[in-house]
Protein backbone atom coordinates (compact mmCIF):
# COMPACT_ATOMS: atom_id res chain seq x y z
CA MET A 1 -4.41 15.51 7.71
CA VAL A 2 -8.06 14.73 8.37
CA ILE A 3 -10.77 13.30 6.12
CA ASN A 4 -14.03 15.13 6.74
CA SER A 5 -16.44 13.32 4.45
CA LEU A 6 -16.88 10.60 1.84
CA SER A 7 -19.45 10.26 -0.94
CA LEU A 8 -19.91 7.19 -3.13
CA GLN A 9 -22.04 6.42 -6.16
CA ASN A 10 -22.26 2.91 -7.58
CA PHE A 11 -19.16 1.75 -5.73
CA ARG A 12 -19.18 -1.94 -4.78
CA ASN A 13 -22.50 -2.61 -3.00
CA TYR A 14 -23.33 1.07 -2.49
CA GLY A 15 -25.72 2.85 -4.82
CA THR A 16 -25.40 6.16 -2.97
CA LEU A 17 -23.58 6.82 0.28
CA ASP A 18 -22.68 10.05 2.09
CA LEU A 19 -20.74 9.98 5.35
CA ALA A 20 -19.23 12.59 7.67
CA PHE A 21 -16.32 11.47 9.86
CA SER A 22 -14.77 12.33 13.18
CA PRO A 23 -11.13 13.47 13.16
CA GLY A 24 -10.56 10.77 15.78
CA THR A 25 -11.62 7.12 15.72
CA ASN A 26 -14.42 6.00 13.40
CA LEU A 27 -15.69 2.46 13.91
CA PHE A 28 -17.80 0.51 11.41
CA TYR A 29 -19.42 -2.64 12.76
CA GLY A 30 -21.82 -5.24 11.45
CA ASP A 31 -21.97 -8.77 10.12
CA ASN A 32 -19.57 -10.01 7.48
CA ALA A 33 -20.14 -9.18 3.78
CA GLN A 34 -22.26 -6.09 4.50
CA GLY A 35 -19.93 -3.45 3.01
CA LYS A 36 -17.64 -2.37 5.86
CA THR A 37 -14.41 -3.07 4.01
CA ASN A 38 -15.76 -1.31 0.91
CA ILE A 39 -15.75 1.99 2.82
CA LEU A 40 -12.09 1.62 3.79
CA GLU A 41 -11.26 0.55 0.25
CA ALA A 42 -12.91 3.71 -1.13
CA VAL A 43 -10.83 5.92 1.18
CA TYR A 44 -7.67 4.11 0.11
CA VAL A 45 -8.51 4.43 -3.58
CA LEU A 46 -9.12 8.17 -3.16
CA GLY A 47 -5.76 8.53 -1.43
CA THR A 48 -3.58 6.31 -3.60
CA THR A 49 -5.63 5.69 -6.81
CA LYS A 50 -5.24 1.97 -6.10
CA SER A 51 -7.29 -0.70 -4.36
CA HIS A 52 -5.69 -3.03 -1.85
CA ARG A 53 -7.95 -5.82 -3.18
CA THR A 54 -7.91 -5.66 -6.98
CA SER A 55 -6.09 -4.14 -9.92
CA ARG A 56 -9.26 -4.06 -12.06
CA ASP A 57 -11.36 -0.92 -11.75
CA ARG A 58 -14.41 -2.67 -13.16
CA GLU A 59 -14.55 -4.97 -10.13
CA MET A 60 -15.18 -1.94 -7.90
CA ILE A 61 -18.13 -0.69 -9.99
CA ARG A 62 -21.57 -1.70 -8.71
CA PHE A 63 -23.03 -4.65 -10.58
CA GLY A 64 -25.07 -3.56 -13.58
CA GLU A 65 -23.51 -0.07 -13.76
CA ASP A 66 -20.88 1.31 -16.16
CA GLN A 67 -19.13 3.73 -13.84
CA ALA A 68 -18.65 4.71 -10.21
CA HIS A 69 -17.87 8.05 -8.61
CA LEU A 70 -15.93 8.56 -5.37
CA ARG A 71 -15.48 11.90 -3.59
CA MET A 72 -13.57 12.83 -0.46
CA ASN A 73 -13.20 16.13 1.37
CA MET A 74 -10.06 16.46 3.47
CA VAL A 75 -7.96 19.08 5.22
CA LYS A 76 -4.17 19.13 5.32
CA ASN A 77 -2.13 21.93 6.90
CA GLU A 78 -5.36 23.95 7.21
CA ILE A 79 -5.94 23.75 3.44
CA ALA A 80 -9.13 22.09 2.19
CA TYR A 81 -9.00 19.61 -0.67
CA ARG A 82 -11.71 17.83 -2.60
CA VAL A 83 -10.64 14.64 -4.36
CA ASP A 84 -12.81 13.04 -7.03
CA ILE A 85 -12.20 9.73 -8.79
CA GLN A 86 -14.38 8.30 -11.53
CA LEU A 87 -14.08 4.60 -12.34
CA ARG A 88 -15.16 3.63 -15.85
CA LYS A 89 -15.38 0.20 -17.43
CA GLY A 90 -12.83 -0.21 -20.18
CA ARG A 91 -11.33 3.26 -19.67
CA ALA A 92 -8.72 4.88 -17.46
CA LYS A 93 -9.99 6.33 -14.20
CA GLY A 94 -10.63 10.07 -14.06
CA ILE A 95 -9.00 11.99 -11.20
CA ALA A 96 -9.57 15.57 -10.06
CA VAL A 97 -8.30 17.64 -7.11
CA ASN A 98 -10.37 20.71 -6.23
CA MET A 99 -12.29 20.20 -9.48
CA ALA A 100 -9.10 20.43 -11.59
CA PRO A 101 -8.34 17.29 -13.65
CA VAL A 102 -5.18 15.43 -12.68
CA ARG A 103 -3.43 13.76 -15.60
CA LYS A 104 -1.05 11.59 -13.62
CA ALA A 105 -1.85 9.51 -10.55
CA ALA A 106 1.52 10.62 -9.15
CA ASP A 107 0.12 14.15 -8.78
CA LEU A 108 -2.44 12.84 -6.29
CA ILE A 109 -0.32 10.30 -4.42
CA GLY A 110 1.46 12.02 -1.57
CA LEU A 111 -1.26 14.61 -0.99
CA GLY A 112 -2.15 12.48 2.01
CA HIS A 113 -0.71 9.37 3.64
CA TYR A 114 -2.66 6.17 4.21
CA ILE A 115 -1.75 2.99 6.04
CA PHE A 116 -4.00 0.00 5.40
CA PHE A 117 -3.79 -2.95 7.77
CA SER A 118 -5.81 -6.11 7.12
CA PRO A 119 -5.51 -9.74 8.23
CA GLN A 120 -3.76 -10.46 4.92
CA ASP A 121 -0.94 -8.08 5.95
CA LEU A 122 -0.13 -10.38 8.84
CA SER A 123 1.11 -12.84 6.22
CA ILE A 124 3.46 -10.39 4.49
CA ILE A 125 6.50 -12.03 6.07
CA ARG A 126 5.78 -15.48 4.64
CA ASP A 127 4.07 -14.40 1.41
CA ALA A 128 5.71 -14.25 -2.01
CA PRO A 129 8.31 -11.50 -2.67
CA ALA A 130 5.81 -9.55 -4.78
CA GLU A 131 3.89 -8.62 -1.62
CA ARG A 132 6.98 -7.17 0.03
CA ARG A 133 7.89 -5.23 -3.10
CA ARG A 134 4.33 -3.91 -3.16
CA PHE A 135 4.75 -2.74 0.43
CA MET A 136 7.92 -0.83 -0.46
CA ASP A 137 6.34 0.68 -3.56
CA MET A 138 3.15 1.84 -1.87
CA GLU A 139 4.99 3.43 1.04
CA LEU A 140 7.71 5.06 -1.03
CA CYS A 141 5.23 6.39 -3.59
CA GLN A 142 3.38 8.22 -0.82
CA LEU A 143 6.60 9.66 0.60
CA ASP A 144 8.74 10.43 -2.46
CA PRO A 145 7.45 11.79 -5.80
CA VAL A 146 10.85 11.05 -7.37
CA TYR A 147 10.35 7.37 -6.57
CA THR A 148 6.83 7.45 -7.96
CA SER A 149 8.07 8.87 -11.25
CA ALA A 150 10.97 6.40 -11.47
CA LEU A 151 8.75 3.40 -10.68
CA THR A 152 6.12 4.44 -13.24
CA SER A 153 8.79 4.88 -15.93
CA TYR A 154 10.55 1.65 -15.00
CA ASN A 155 7.35 -0.40 -15.21
CA LYS A 156 6.56 1.05 -18.64
CA VAL A 157 10.07 0.31 -19.91
CA LEU A 158 9.97 -3.20 -18.45
CA ASP A 159 6.66 -3.90 -20.18
CA GLN A 160 7.93 -2.59 -23.53
CA ARG A 161 11.19 -4.51 -23.23
CA ASN A 162 9.37 -7.78 -22.51
CA LYS A 163 7.09 -7.22 -25.50
CA LEU A 164 10.13 -6.57 -27.70
CA LEU A 165 11.84 -9.73 -26.42
CA LYS A 166 8.86 -11.76 -27.58
CA THR A 167 8.95 -10.05 -30.98
CA LEU A 168 12.68 -10.60 -31.39
CA ALA A 169 12.28 -14.30 -30.66
CA GLU A 170 10.43 -14.53 -33.99
CA ASP A 171 12.15 -11.72 -35.91
CA PRO A 172 15.59 -10.57 -34.69
CA ARG A 173 15.98 -7.73 -37.18
CA ASP A 174 15.11 -5.04 -34.60
CA MET A 175 17.80 -6.17 -32.16
CA ALA A 176 19.35 -2.67 -32.05
CA THR A 177 16.11 -1.34 -30.56
CA LEU A 178 16.79 -3.42 -27.46
CA ASP A 179 19.79 -1.20 -26.61
CA VAL A 180 17.46 1.78 -26.17
CA TRP A 181 15.20 -0.05 -23.72
CA ASP A 182 18.17 -1.50 -21.85
CA GLU A 183 19.63 1.95 -21.25
CA GLN A 184 16.33 3.25 -19.83
CA LEU A 185 15.79 0.09 -17.77
CA VAL A 186 19.15 0.59 -16.08
CA ARG A 187 18.67 4.35 -15.57
CA TYR A 188 15.29 4.09 -13.82
CA GLY A 189 16.14 0.79 -12.13
CA ASN A 190 19.27 2.16 -10.49
CA LEU A 191 17.31 5.05 -9.02
CA ILE A 192 14.69 2.66 -7.62
CA ILE A 193 17.36 0.43 -6.05
CA ARG A 194 19.12 3.34 -4.37
CA LEU A 195 15.90 4.84 -2.99
CA ARG A 196 14.75 1.45 -1.72
CA GLY A 197 18.09 1.03 0.02
CA LYS A 198 17.74 4.35 1.85
CA PHE A 199 14.13 3.49 2.73
CA VAL A 200 15.11 0.18 4.33
CA GLU A 201 17.94 1.85 6.26
CA LYS A 202 15.50 4.33 7.78
CA LEU A 203 12.92 1.63 8.40
CA ASN A 204 15.46 -0.40 10.35
CA GLU A 205 16.19 2.55 12.62
CA ILE A 206 12.50 2.84 13.46
CA ILE A 207 11.42 -0.80 13.62
CA ALA A 208 14.13 -2.09 15.96
CA PRO A 209 12.95 -0.27 19.14
CA ILE A 210 9.28 -0.85 18.24
CA HIS A 211 9.76 -4.60 17.97
CA GLY A 212 11.97 -4.64 21.04
CA LYS A 213 9.12 -3.16 23.04
CA LEU A 214 6.56 -5.50 21.44
CA SER A 215 8.66 -8.56 22.34
CA SER A 216 9.53 -7.27 25.82
CA GLY A 217 13.16 -7.01 24.77
CA LYS A 218 13.42 -10.71 23.90
CA GLU A 219 13.91 -10.29 20.14
CA HIS A 220 15.83 -7.98 17.83
CA LEU A 221 14.17 -7.47 14.44
CA SER A 222 16.04 -6.25 11.39
CA ILE A 223 15.20 -6.01 7.69
CA THR A 224 17.64 -6.86 4.92
CA TYR A 225 17.12 -5.42 1.45
CA GLU A 226 17.82 -8.36 -0.84
CA LYS A 227 18.67 -6.72 -4.15
CA ASN A 228 18.42 -8.74 -7.32
CA VAL A 229 21.36 -6.74 -8.62
CA GLU A 230 23.58 -3.95 -7.30
CA PRO A 231 23.24 -0.56 -9.06
CA ASP A 232 26.85 -0.54 -10.27
CA ALA A 233 26.42 -4.00 -11.77
CA PHE A 234 22.96 -3.56 -13.32
CA ALA A 235 24.13 -2.51 -16.79
CA SER A 236 26.52 -5.44 -17.12
CA ALA A 237 23.93 -7.86 -15.72
CA VAL A 238 21.42 -6.77 -18.38
CA ALA A 239 24.03 -7.06 -21.13
CA ASN A 240 25.31 -10.44 -19.96
CA GLY A 241 21.79 -11.78 -19.47
CA ARG A 242 20.49 -10.72 -22.86
CA ARG A 243 20.74 -14.19 -24.43
CA ARG A 244 18.83 -15.72 -21.52
CA ASP A 245 16.21 -12.94 -21.66
CA LEU A 246 15.71 -13.55 -25.38
CA TYR A 247 15.31 -17.28 -24.76
CA LEU A 248 12.82 -16.75 -21.91
CA CYS A 249 11.15 -13.68 -23.52
CA SER A 250 11.34 -11.98 -20.14
CA THR A 251 13.64 -9.60 -18.23
CA MET A 252 15.32 -11.59 -15.47
CA ASN A 253 17.41 -8.86 -13.81
CA GLY A 254 16.25 -5.71 -12.07
CA PRO A 255 14.44 -4.33 -9.01
CA HIS A 256 11.23 -6.09 -10.09
CA LYS A 257 12.94 -9.17 -8.64
CA ASP A 258 13.93 -7.61 -5.29
CA ASP A 259 12.86 -8.91 -1.89
CA LEU A 260 12.96 -8.07 1.81
CA VAL A 261 14.21 -10.50 4.44
CA PHE A 262 13.02 -10.18 8.05
CA LEU A 263 15.50 -11.41 10.60
CA SER A 264 14.91 -12.00 14.29
CA ASP A 265 18.33 -12.36 15.89
CA ASP A 266 19.68 -13.48 12.49
CA VAL A 267 16.92 -16.08 12.01
CA ASP A 268 15.00 -15.75 8.74
CA LEU A 269 11.39 -15.42 9.88
CA ARG A 270 9.94 -16.37 6.51
CA HIS A 271 11.43 -19.84 6.64
CA PHE A 272 12.08 -20.51 10.33
CA GLY A 273 9.88 -18.12 12.32
CA SER A 274 6.78 -19.23 14.20
CA GLN A 275 3.40 -17.80 13.25
CA GLY A 276 3.53 -15.66 16.37
CA GLN A 277 6.94 -14.26 15.43
CA GLN A 278 5.78 -13.55 11.89
CA ARG A 279 2.69 -11.73 13.12
CA SER A 280 4.69 -9.68 15.60
CA ALA A 281 7.09 -8.67 12.83
CA ALA A 282 4.18 -7.71 10.56
CA LEU A 283 2.64 -5.60 13.33
CA SER A 284 5.99 -3.95 14.02
CA LEU A 285 6.21 -3.13 10.32
CA LYS A 286 2.85 -1.35 10.39
CA LEU A 287 3.72 0.56 13.53
CA ALA A 288 7.00 1.57 11.93
CA GLU A 289 5.08 2.84 8.89
CA ILE A 290 3.15 5.23 11.13
CA GLU A 291 6.33 6.64 12.66
CA LEU A 292 8.08 6.80 9.29
CA VAL A 293 5.31 8.98 7.84
CA ARG A 294 5.49 11.26 10.86
CA GLN A 295 9.24 11.69 10.48
CA LYS A 296 9.54 11.90 6.69
CA ALA A 297 6.35 13.79 5.83
CA GLY A 298 5.86 15.77 9.02
CA ASP A 299 2.26 14.60 9.02
CA SER A 300 0.09 11.94 10.60
CA PRO A 301 -1.26 9.24 8.30
CA VAL A 302 -4.84 8.05 8.12
CA LEU A 303 -4.97 4.56 9.60
CA LEU A 304 -7.32 1.98 8.07
CA LEU A 305 -7.77 -1.15 10.21
CA ASP A 306 -9.86 -3.76 8.44
CA ASP A 307 -11.00 -6.33 10.99
CA VAL A 308 -7.39 -6.84 12.00
CA LEU A 309 -7.79 -6.69 15.78
CA SER A 310 -9.71 -9.98 15.80
CA GLU A 311 -6.55 -11.63 14.43
CA LEU A 312 -4.27 -10.28 17.18
CA ASP A 313 -3.89 -11.44 20.76
CA GLY A 314 -4.37 -9.08 23.69
CA SER A 315 -0.81 -7.75 23.92
CA ARG A 316 -0.58 -7.07 20.19
CA GLN A 317 -4.02 -5.42 20.21
CA HIS A 318 -2.86 -3.16 23.02
CA ALA A 319 0.34 -2.25 21.16
CA LEU A 320 -1.60 -1.30 18.04
CA LEU A 321 -4.31 0.69 19.81
CA GLU A 322 -1.71 2.48 21.93
CA SER A 323 0.03 3.65 18.76
CA ILE A 324 -3.06 5.32 17.35
CA GLY A 325 -2.86 8.39 19.58
CA ASP A 326 -3.98 11.45 17.63
CA ILE A 327 -4.24 9.65 14.27
CA GLN A 328 -7.54 9.67 12.43
CA THR A 329 -8.48 5.99 12.35
CA PHE A 330 -11.09 3.91 10.56
CA ILE A 331 -11.80 0.50 12.08
CA THR A 332 -14.06 -2.31 10.87
CA CYS A 333 -15.22 -5.14 13.11
CA THR A 334 -18.18 -7.47 13.58
CA GLY A 335 -18.93 -6.31 17.13
CA ILE A 336 -18.00 -3.44 19.42
CA GLU A 337 -18.25 -5.23 22.78
CA GLU A 338 -14.51 -5.83 23.13
CA TYR A 339 -13.75 -2.17 22.44
CA GLU A 340 -16.27 -1.03 25.02
CA LYS A 341 -14.97 -3.48 27.63
CA SER A 342 -11.39 -2.35 27.11
CA GLY A 343 -12.35 1.30 27.51
CA PHE A 344 -10.93 2.17 24.09
CA HIS A 345 -12.33 5.53 23.04
CA ILE A 346 -14.52 5.55 19.92
CA ASP A 347 -15.51 8.97 18.58
CA ARG A 348 -18.10 7.88 16.03
CA ARG A 349 -19.89 4.57 15.52
CA PHE A 350 -21.44 3.39 12.25
CA HIS A 351 -23.59 0.30 11.88
CA VAL A 352 -23.32 -1.28 8.43
CA SER A 353 -25.98 -3.64 7.11
CA ALA A 354 -26.56 -4.68 3.47
CA GLY A 355 -25.06 -1.52 2.03
CA HIS A 356 -26.82 0.83 4.47
CA VAL A 357 -24.78 2.82 6.99
CA GLU A 358 -26.29 4.39 10.10
CA ILE A 359 -24.62 6.50 12.78
CA VAL A 360 -25.27 4.92 16.18
């Protein structure tokens, strides 16, 4: 897939912006806080309906405005698509594909595949479990519509169950209603757990040789899926934990408590790995994402690199740039001198300054 153009109105610090892209490498450079990351964020929102920076749509709307409009023209398998997203304060976002309204975000996710890599991603190994669950969810949602549907349903059930637990703490007369939510929680949760398990199995096949090459054969990286509960035991865990859930007014068992453990030769990198080992594992994870999309979707993803090369040493920079190949890539940086010195090919350069973008 290739993104041909992007148009923004009242998004972040852009009043109006229209850009045409190269199918190769597009580089945005300029000082910090000028709007480079906002362009990558807009592409990611148009591809996944979500921002990598915030869960609040209103934060992406230009200050003083009530709504923002994002539009992207792309081509996949020689078919042209136009994607429109309207962000509105206090209302759900509007989504359209080829001018036809899309009711569910799941109908857009998966149309293309997007891999976002920022300096924050280098901390995914040592961050809280929520970040690793988010990684699994974002990747699986782009690859598997069944997972997207199950996750959406599970989150709704989980929210309703937690609200009911709080109500029952004050008035237990509707206790029978909890059985209905428990049954749905287990049904959708079991599907999520099984699909995550298969995902991690495939990821391990891909990441091991990538990390072996990155570490010059000195380390073996593996990922363990740390389930909060096994599928066959989920129903009994929910039933046995009901009293505790009622006391805490929260659901304490389920895939919303899952985690991933990264092991280098059986050493838990989160707790015992050096910063260099953690960063190498995070980079291997991103490189594995690229290959996973190629294998599972039969397509190349769009790669969004947000000032990440400045955080990597020379060997890791080389490994990342070498992996780009024929992938359409968007890169932000403060200067282009290092790219020019290294001989890295840049197809189109954009200078960004105070919300103004100029092709150089």
